[in-house]
Amino acid sequence: MEPGFWHEKWHQQQIGFHQQDINPFLVKYWQKLGLPADTQVFVPLCGKSLDMCFLAEQGHQVIGCELNELAVQQFFSDNQLEMTQTTVGEHQHYHTEQISLYQGDIFTLPKTITQAVTAFYDRAALIAWPESMRAQYAKQLASLLPSGSVGLLVTLDYPQEALIGPPFAVSPTWVEQHLSDDFDIEVLASQDVLADNPRFIKKVVPWLNEAAYLLKRK
């Protein structure tokens, strides 16, 4: 998707992709990564996700990257967090005690920003890309992560022809074919979540699976 698409979504507040609650898979499986409390965790295409608050509550230092300025500002205002803002290269850096968000293009994010991270969390990034652009994002994510980094990936899969994304369908086959060169992959869970997603029901999508993967950067 072109940047203008996402900027317009945030401007119009058409943000159905934003979850009002912490992702259940994050709560259930994050501890499986076995991370020390002070771990730096990278969250790509973070939006204003409450999942970042959950990660900070585990004692982690959260580093997010988000294209849209309004999304970043709303994260801090919605959660009543004071922050400081500075410029880092092409990105605006918004910082509070345990959370640093870099507003700008993930494809120009300096690798120095993520050189000390040892974990990552992708709930809404991979599924935000159509298949024609997804592999490029996956390679960029891999390039930003030091070897040995571990992470939790959450995806959605459904018959793509039944609904025009985003979110886009990402199958287990796609994950294996496009991520296995850079990551060791372990499937943690897969479950039908159609009943919890009225938009998909309204569009008569026959099934909707949410999956969680544990990834380790090679």
C-alpha atoms as a PDB file:
ATOM      1  CA  MET A   1       0.000   0.000   0.000  1.00  0.00           C
ATOM      2  CA  GLU A   2       1.259   3.481  -0.805  1.00  0.00           C
ATOM      3  CA  PRO A   3       1.870   5.872   2.126  1.00  0.00           C
ATOM      4  CA  GLY A   4      -1.049   8.053   1.071  1.00  0.00           C
ATOM      5  CA  PHE A   5      -3.438   5.167   1.651  1.00  0.00           C
ATOM      6  CA  TRP A   6      -2.491   4.888   5.323  1.00  0.00           C
ATOM      7  CA  HIS A   7      -2.339   8.629   5.882  1.00  0.00           C
ATOM      8  CA  GLU A   8      -5.910   8.925   4.568  1.00  0.00           C
ATOM      9  CA  LYS A   9      -7.097   6.061   6.785  1.00  0.00           C
ATOM     10  CA  TRP A  10      -5.738   7.792   9.876  1.00  0.00           C
ATOM     11  CA  HIS A  11      -6.994  11.202   8.755  1.00  0.00           C
ATOM     12  CA  GLN A  12     -10.507   9.806   8.313  1.00  0.00           C
ATOM     13  CA  GLN A  13     -10.093   7.638  11.453  1.00  0.00           C
ATOM     14  CA  GLN A  14     -11.011   4.582   9.413  1.00  0.00           C
ATOM     15  CA  ILE A  15      -8.869   2.417  11.647  1.00  0.00           C
ATOM     16  CA  GLY A  16     -10.767  -0.832  11.995  1.00  0.00           C
ATOM     17  CA  PHE A  17      -7.361  -2.551  12.125  1.00  0.00           C
ATOM     18  CA  HIS A  18      -6.728  -0.926  15.515  1.00  0.00           C
ATOM     19  CA  GLN A  19      -7.628  -3.369  18.284  1.00  0.00           C
ATOM     20  CA  GLN A  20      -9.318  -1.936  21.367  1.00  0.00           C
ATOM     21  CA  ASP A  21      -7.840  -4.667  23.557  1.00  0.00           C
ATOM     22  CA  ILE A  22      -4.459  -6.338  23.964  1.00  0.00           C
ATOM     23  CA  ASN A  23      -4.055  -9.223  21.531  1.00  0.00           C
ATOM     24  CA  PRO A  24      -4.889 -12.537  23.275  1.00  0.00           C
ATOM     25  CA  PHE A  25      -2.042 -14.383  21.536  1.00  0.00           C
ATOM     26  CA  LEU A  26       0.406 -11.773  22.855  1.00  0.00           C
ATOM     27  CA  VAL A  27      -0.817 -12.298  26.410  1.00  0.00           C
ATOM     28  CA  LYS A  28      -0.789 -16.085  26.072  1.00  0.00           C
ATOM     29  CA  TYR A  29       2.504 -16.676  24.289  1.00  0.00           C
ATOM     30  CA  TRP A  30       4.847 -13.752  24.993  1.00  0.00           C
ATOM     31  CA  GLN A  31       6.356 -15.424  28.049  1.00  0.00           C
ATOM     32  CA  LYS A  32       7.308 -18.372  25.845  1.00  0.00           C
ATOM     33  CA  LEU A  33      10.081 -16.188  24.384  1.00  0.00           C
ATOM     34  CA  GLY A  34      11.822 -16.231  27.789  1.00  0.00           C
ATOM     35  CA  LEU A  35      13.030 -12.636  27.674  1.00  0.00           C
ATOM     36  CA  PRO A  36      14.667 -10.632  30.481  1.00  0.00           C
ATOM     37  CA  ALA A  37      12.602  -7.689  31.700  1.00  0.00           C
ATOM     38  CA  ASP A  38      14.918  -5.026  30.237  1.00  0.00           C
ATOM     39  CA  THR A  39      14.860  -6.460  26.691  1.00  0.00           C
ATOM     40  CA  GLN A  40      14.562  -4.013  23.791  1.00  0.00           C
ATOM     41  CA  VAL A  41      11.544  -5.035  21.677  1.00  0.00           C
ATOM     42  CA  PHE A  42      10.980  -3.761  18.137  1.00  0.00           C
ATOM     43  CA  VAL A  43       7.367  -3.247  16.998  1.00  0.00           C
ATOM     44  CA  PRO A  44       7.126  -2.492  13.248  1.00  0.00           C
ATOM     45  CA  LEU A  45       4.137  -0.540  11.876  1.00  0.00           C
ATOM     46  CA  CYS A  46       2.999  -0.112  15.453  1.00  0.00           C
ATOM     47  CA  GLY A  47       0.146   2.357  14.973  1.00  0.00           C
ATOM     48  CA  LYS A  48      -1.221   3.238  18.403  1.00  0.00           C
ATOM     49  CA  SER A  49      -1.478  -0.369  19.545  1.00  0.00           C
ATOM     50  CA  LEU A  50      -2.171  -1.058  23.208  1.00  0.00           C
ATOM     51  CA  ASP A  51       0.058  -4.103  22.796  1.00  0.00           C
ATOM     52  CA  MET A  52       3.004  -1.742  23.296  1.00  0.00           C
ATOM     53  CA  CYS A  53       1.687  -0.881  26.764  1.00  0.00           C
ATOM     54  CA  PHE A  54       1.548  -4.584  27.583  1.00  0.00           C
ATOM     55  CA  LEU A  55       5.160  -5.016  26.474  1.00  0.00           C
ATOM     56  CA  ALA A  56       6.250  -2.027  28.550  1.00  0.00           C
ATOM     57  CA  GLU A  57       4.433  -3.482  31.555  1.00  0.00           C
ATOM     58  CA  GLN A  58       6.650  -6.563  31.230  1.00  0.00           C
ATOM     59  CA  GLY A  59       9.595  -4.242  31.864  1.00  0.00           C
ATOM     60  CA  HIS A  60      10.689  -4.102  28.209  1.00  0.00           C
ATOM     61  CA  GLN A  61      12.034  -1.103  26.324  1.00  0.00           C
ATOM     62  CA  VAL A  62       9.722  -0.748  23.331  1.00  0.00           C
ATOM     63  CA  ILE A  63      10.964   0.654  20.013  1.00  0.00           C
ATOM     64  CA  GLY A  64       8.200   1.198  17.474  1.00  0.00           C
ATOM     65  CA  CYS A  65       8.149   2.456  13.904  1.00  0.00           C
ATOM     66  CA  GLU A  66       5.000   4.004  12.457  1.00  0.00           C
ATOM     67  CA  LEU A  67       4.435   5.857   9.190  1.00  0.00           C
ATOM     68  CA  ASN A  68       1.652   8.174  10.321  1.00  0.00           C
ATOM     69  CA  GLU A  69       2.236  11.096  12.684  1.00  0.00           C
ATOM     70  CA  LEU A  70      -1.364  11.195  13.949  1.00  0.00           C
ATOM     71  CA  ALA A  71      -1.170   7.549  15.008  1.00  0.00           C
ATOM     72  CA  VAL A  72       1.912   8.233  17.102  1.00  0.00           C
ATOM     73  CA  GLN A  73       0.463  11.344  18.696  1.00  0.00           C
ATOM     74  CA  GLN A  74      -2.782   9.520  19.519  1.00  0.00           C
ATOM     75  CA  PHE A  75      -0.845   6.718  21.195  1.00  0.00           C
ATOM     76  CA  PHE A  76       0.638   9.123  23.693  1.00  0.00           C
ATOM     77  CA  SER A  77      -2.511  11.204  24.176  1.00  0.00           C
ATOM     78  CA  ASP A  78      -4.858   8.195  24.470  1.00  0.00           C
ATOM     79  CA  ASN A  79      -2.625   6.669  27.146  1.00  0.00           C
ATOM     80  CA  GLN A  80      -1.964   9.996  28.871  1.00  0.00           C
ATOM     81  CA  LEU A  81       1.790   9.668  28.470  1.00  0.00           C
ATOM     82  CA  GLU A  82       4.090  12.660  28.461  1.00  0.00           C
ATOM     83  CA  MET A  83       6.718  12.516  25.744  1.00  0.00           C
ATOM     84  CA  THR A  84       9.553  14.421  24.171  1.00  0.00           C
ATOM     85  CA  GLN A  85       9.974  14.863  20.426  1.00  0.00           C
ATOM     86  CA  THR A  86      13.218  15.184  18.486  1.00  0.00           C
ATOM     87  CA  THR A  87      14.335  14.669  14.895  1.00  0.00           C
ATOM     88  CA  VAL A  88      16.496  11.667  13.991  1.00  0.00           C
ATOM     89  CA  GLY A  89      17.463  11.787  10.321  1.00  0.00           C
ATOM     90  CA  GLU A  90      14.273  11.398   8.278  1.00  0.00           C
ATOM     91  CA  HIS A  91      12.244  10.315  11.298  1.00  0.00           C
ATOM     92  CA  GLN A  92      10.540  12.072  14.193  1.00  0.00           C
ATOM     93  CA  HIS A  93      11.418  10.449  17.506  1.00  0.00           C
ATOM     94  CA  TYR A  94       8.773  10.442  20.238  1.00  0.00           C
ATOM     95  CA  HIS A  95      10.067   9.199  23.576  1.00  0.00           C
ATOM     96  CA  THR A  96       8.701   8.424  27.008  1.00  0.00           C
ATOM     97  CA  GLU A  97      10.194   6.372  29.816  1.00  0.00           C
ATOM     98  CA  GLN A  98       9.960   2.897  28.245  1.00  0.00           C
ATOM     99  CA  ILE A  99       8.595   3.566  24.769  1.00  0.00           C
ATOM    100  CA  SER A 100      10.344   5.175  21.792  1.00  0.00           C
ATOM    101  CA  LEU A 101       8.365   5.605  18.581  1.00  0.00           C
ATOM    102  CA  TYR A 102      10.001   6.598  15.303  1.00  0.00           C
ATOM    103  CA  GLN A 103       7.547   8.216  12.920  1.00  0.00           C
ATOM    104  CA  GLY A 104       8.459   7.681   9.296  1.00  0.00           C
ATOM    105  CA  ASP A 105       9.098   5.078   6.612  1.00  0.00           C
ATOM    106  CA  ILE A 106      10.311   1.704   7.922  1.00  0.00           C
ATOM    107  CA  PHE A 107      12.315   1.272   4.716  1.00  0.00           C
ATOM    108  CA  THR A 108      14.525   4.239   5.667  1.00  0.00           C
ATOM    109  CA  LEU A 109      14.769   3.472   9.382  1.00  0.00           C
ATOM    110  CA  PRO A 110      18.480   3.456  10.322  1.00  0.00           C
ATOM    111  CA  LYS A 111      19.721   0.061  11.461  1.00  0.00           C
ATOM    112  CA  THR A 112      21.513   1.763  14.352  1.00  0.00           C
ATOM    113  CA  ILE A 113      18.113   2.243  16.009  1.00  0.00           C
ATOM    114  CA  THR A 114      17.481  -1.505  16.240  1.00  0.00           C
ATOM    115  CA  GLN A 115      21.047  -2.761  16.656  1.00  0.00           C
ATOM    116  CA  ALA A 116      20.515  -3.547  20.359  1.00  0.00           C
ATOM    117  CA  VAL A 117      17.073  -5.140  20.108  1.00  0.00           C
ATOM    118  CA  THR A 118      16.817  -8.843  20.900  1.00  0.00           C
ATOM    119  CA  ALA A 119      13.077  -9.283  20.394  1.00  0.00           C
ATOM    120  CA  PHE A 120      10.246  -8.143  18.133  1.00  0.00           C
ATOM    121  CA  TYR A 121       6.473  -8.271  17.862  1.00  0.00           C
ATOM    122  CA  ASP A 122       4.517  -8.145  14.588  1.00  0.00           C
ATOM    123  CA  ARG A 123       0.741  -8.259  14.915  1.00  0.00           C
ATOM    124  CA  ALA A 124      -0.392  -5.804  12.242  1.00  0.00           C
ATOM    125  CA  ALA A 125       2.630  -5.235  10.016  1.00  0.00           C
ATOM    126  CA  LEU A 126       2.993  -8.327   7.832  1.00  0.00           C
ATOM    127  CA  ILE A 127      -0.765  -8.523   7.212  1.00  0.00           C
ATOM    128  CA  ALA A 128      -0.847  -4.842   6.225  1.00  0.00           C
ATOM    129  CA  TRP A 129       0.962  -5.547   2.948  1.00  0.00           C
ATOM    130  CA  PRO A 130      -0.563  -6.992  -0.222  1.00  0.00           C
ATOM    131  CA  GLU A 131       1.297 -10.029  -1.481  1.00  0.00           C
ATOM    132  CA  SER A 132       3.078  -7.982  -4.163  1.00  0.00           C
ATOM    133  CA  MET A 133       4.822  -5.907  -1.453  1.00  0.00           C
ATOM    134  CA  ARG A 134       4.939  -8.291   1.493  1.00  0.00           C
ATOM    135  CA  ALA A 135       8.222 -10.039   0.727  1.00  0.00           C
ATOM    136  CA  GLN A 136      10.018  -6.689   0.509  1.00  0.00           C
ATOM    137  CA  TYR A 137       8.780  -5.779   3.969  1.00  0.00           C
ATOM    138  CA  ALA A 138       9.796  -9.189   5.356  1.00  0.00           C
ATOM    139  CA  LYS A 139      13.343  -8.690   4.081  1.00  0.00           C
ATOM    140  CA  GLN A 140      13.485  -5.202   5.569  1.00  0.00           C
ATOM    141  CA  LEU A 141      12.334  -6.529   8.934  1.00  0.00           C
ATOM    142  CA  ALA A 142      15.005  -9.232   8.819  1.00  0.00           C
ATOM    143  CA  SER A 143      17.666  -6.654   7.945  1.00  0.00           C
ATOM    144  CA  LEU A 144      16.741  -4.545  10.979  1.00  0.00           C
ATOM    145  CA  LEU A 145      16.970  -7.454  13.433  1.00  0.00           C
ATOM    146  CA  PRO A 146      20.260  -8.714  14.860  1.00  0.00           C
ATOM    147  CA  SER A 147      20.964 -12.421  14.551  1.00  0.00           C
ATOM    148  CA  GLY A 148      19.440 -14.365  17.428  1.00  0.00           C
ATOM    149  CA  SER A 149      16.508 -11.994  17.921  1.00  0.00           C
ATOM    150  CA  VAL A 150      13.283 -13.772  18.803  1.00  0.00           C
ATOM    151  CA  GLY A 151       9.791 -12.590  18.105  1.00  0.00           C
ATOM    152  CA  LEU A 152       6.091 -13.262  18.035  1.00  0.00           C
ATOM    153  CA  LEU A 153       4.323 -13.004  14.671  1.00  0.00           C
ATOM    154  CA  VAL A 154       0.521 -12.943  14.533  1.00  0.00           C
ATOM    155  CA  THR A 155      -1.195 -13.391  11.164  1.00  0.00           C
ATOM    156  CA  LEU A 156      -4.660 -13.711   9.663  1.00  0.00           C
ATOM    157  CA  ASP A 157      -5.596 -16.101   6.874  1.00  0.00           C
ATOM    158  CA  TYR A 158      -8.830 -16.300   4.892  1.00  0.00           C
ATOM    159  CA  PRO A 159      -9.908 -16.695   1.241  1.00  0.00           C
ATOM    160  CA  GLN A 160      -8.403 -13.486  -0.199  1.00  0.00           C
ATOM    161  CA  GLU A 161     -10.979 -13.309  -2.975  1.00  0.00           C
ATOM    162  CA  ALA A 162     -13.725 -12.932  -0.357  1.00  0.00           C
ATOM    163  CA  LEU A 163     -12.477  -9.573   0.944  1.00  0.00           C
ATOM    164  CA  ILE A 164     -10.282  -6.759  -0.280  1.00  0.00           C
ATOM    165  CA  GLY A 165      -7.637  -6.125   2.383  1.00  0.00           C
ATOM    166  CA  PRO A 166      -6.065  -4.804   4.478  1.00  0.00           C
ATOM    167  CA  PRO A 167      -5.691  -6.849   6.524  1.00  0.00           C
ATOM    168  CA  PHE A 168      -4.436  -9.228   3.870  1.00  0.00           C
ATOM    169  CA  ALA A 169      -4.458 -12.996   4.062  1.00  0.00           C
ATOM    170  CA  VAL A 170      -1.120 -14.568   5.006  1.00  0.00           C
ATOM    171  CA  SER A 171      -1.121 -18.344   4.806  1.00  0.00           C
ATOM    172  CA  PRO A 172       1.144 -20.755   6.698  1.00  0.00           C
ATOM    173  CA  THR A 173       2.596 -21.703   3.317  1.00  0.00           C
ATOM    174  CA  TRP A 174       3.536 -18.076   2.611  1.00  0.00           C
ATOM    175  CA  VAL A 175       5.187 -17.761   6.016  1.00  0.00           C
ATOM    176  CA  GLU A 176       7.273 -20.879   5.423  1.00  0.00           C
ATOM    177  CA  GLN A 177       8.257 -19.993   1.868  1.00  0.00           C
ATOM    178  CA  HIS A 178       9.195 -16.355   2.484  1.00  0.00           C
ATOM    179  CA  LEU A 179      10.463 -16.221   6.060  1.00  0.00           C
ATOM    180  CA  SER A 180      12.364 -19.488   6.451  1.00  0.00           C
ATOM    181  CA  ASP A 181      15.529 -18.145   4.787  1.00  0.00           C
ATOM    182  CA  ASP A 182      15.925 -15.556   7.558  1.00  0.00           C
ATOM    183  CA  PHE A 183      14.066 -17.085  10.499  1.00  0.00           C
ATOM    184  CA  ASP A 184      13.583 -20.358  12.310  1.00  0.00           C
ATOM    185  CA  ILE A 185       9.807 -20.803  12.533  1.00  0.00           C
ATOM    186  CA  GLU A 186       7.670 -22.526  15.163  1.00  0.00           C
ATOM    187  CA  VAL A 187       3.877 -22.569  14.900  1.00  0.00           C
ATOM    188  CA  LEU A 188       2.403 -21.824  18.316  1.00  0.00           C
ATOM    189  CA  ALA A 189      -1.316 -21.723  17.571  1.00  0.00           C
ATOM    190  CA  SER A 190      -3.970 -21.379  14.888  1.00  0.00           C
ATOM    191  CA  GLN A 191      -7.654 -20.855  15.567  1.00  0.00           C
ATOM    192  CA  ASP A 192     -10.840 -19.750  13.832  1.00  0.00           C
ATOM    193  CA  VAL A 193     -11.733 -16.213  14.933  1.00  0.00           C
ATOM    194  CA  LEU A 194     -14.504 -15.473  12.423  1.00  0.00           C
ATOM    195  CA  ALA A 195     -17.137 -15.113  15.146  1.00  0.00           C
ATOM    196  CA  ASP A 196     -15.131 -12.284  16.717  1.00  0.00           C
ATOM    197  CA  ASN A 197     -14.827 -10.238  13.499  1.00  0.00           C
ATOM    198  CA  PRO A 198     -18.142  -8.714  12.331  1.00  0.00           C
ATOM    199  CA  ARG A 199     -16.590  -7.116   9.246  1.00  0.00           C
ATOM    200  CA  PHE A 200     -15.620 -10.519   7.886  1.00  0.00           C
ATOM    201  CA  ILE A 201     -19.015 -11.983   8.748  1.00  0.00           C
ATOM    202  CA  LYS A 202     -20.768  -9.093   6.956  1.00  0.00           C
ATOM    203  CA  LYS A 203     -18.691  -9.768   3.841  1.00  0.00           C
ATOM    204  CA  VAL A 204     -19.654 -13.467   4.044  1.00  0.00           C
ATOM    205  CA  VAL A 205     -16.054 -14.592   4.469  1.00  0.00           C
ATOM    206  CA  PRO A 206     -16.398 -18.361   5.063  1.00  0.00           C
ATOM    207  CA  TRP A 207     -13.512 -18.724   7.531  1.00  0.00           C
ATOM    208  CA  LEU A 208     -10.872 -16.631   9.264  1.00  0.00           C
ATOM    209  CA  ASN A 209      -7.857 -18.115  11.032  1.00  0.00           C
ATOM    210  CA  GLU A 210      -5.544 -16.234  13.355  1.00  0.00           C
ATOM    211  CA  ALA A 211      -2.132 -17.830  13.850  1.00  0.00           C
ATOM    212  CA  ALA A 212       0.807 -17.180  16.145  1.00  0.00           C
ATOM    213  CA  TYR A 213       4.400 -18.029  15.258  1.00  0.00           C
ATOM    214  CA  LEU A 214       7.601 -17.908  17.254  1.00  0.00           C
ATOM    215  CA  LEU A 215      10.378 -16.640  14.997  1.00  0.00           C
ATOM    216  CA  LYS A 216      14.134 -16.588  15.600  1.00  0.00           C
ATOM    217  CA  ARG A 217      16.413 -14.519  13.382  1.00  0.00           C
ATOM    218  CA  LYS A 218      19.150 -16.716  11.915  1.00  0.00           C
END
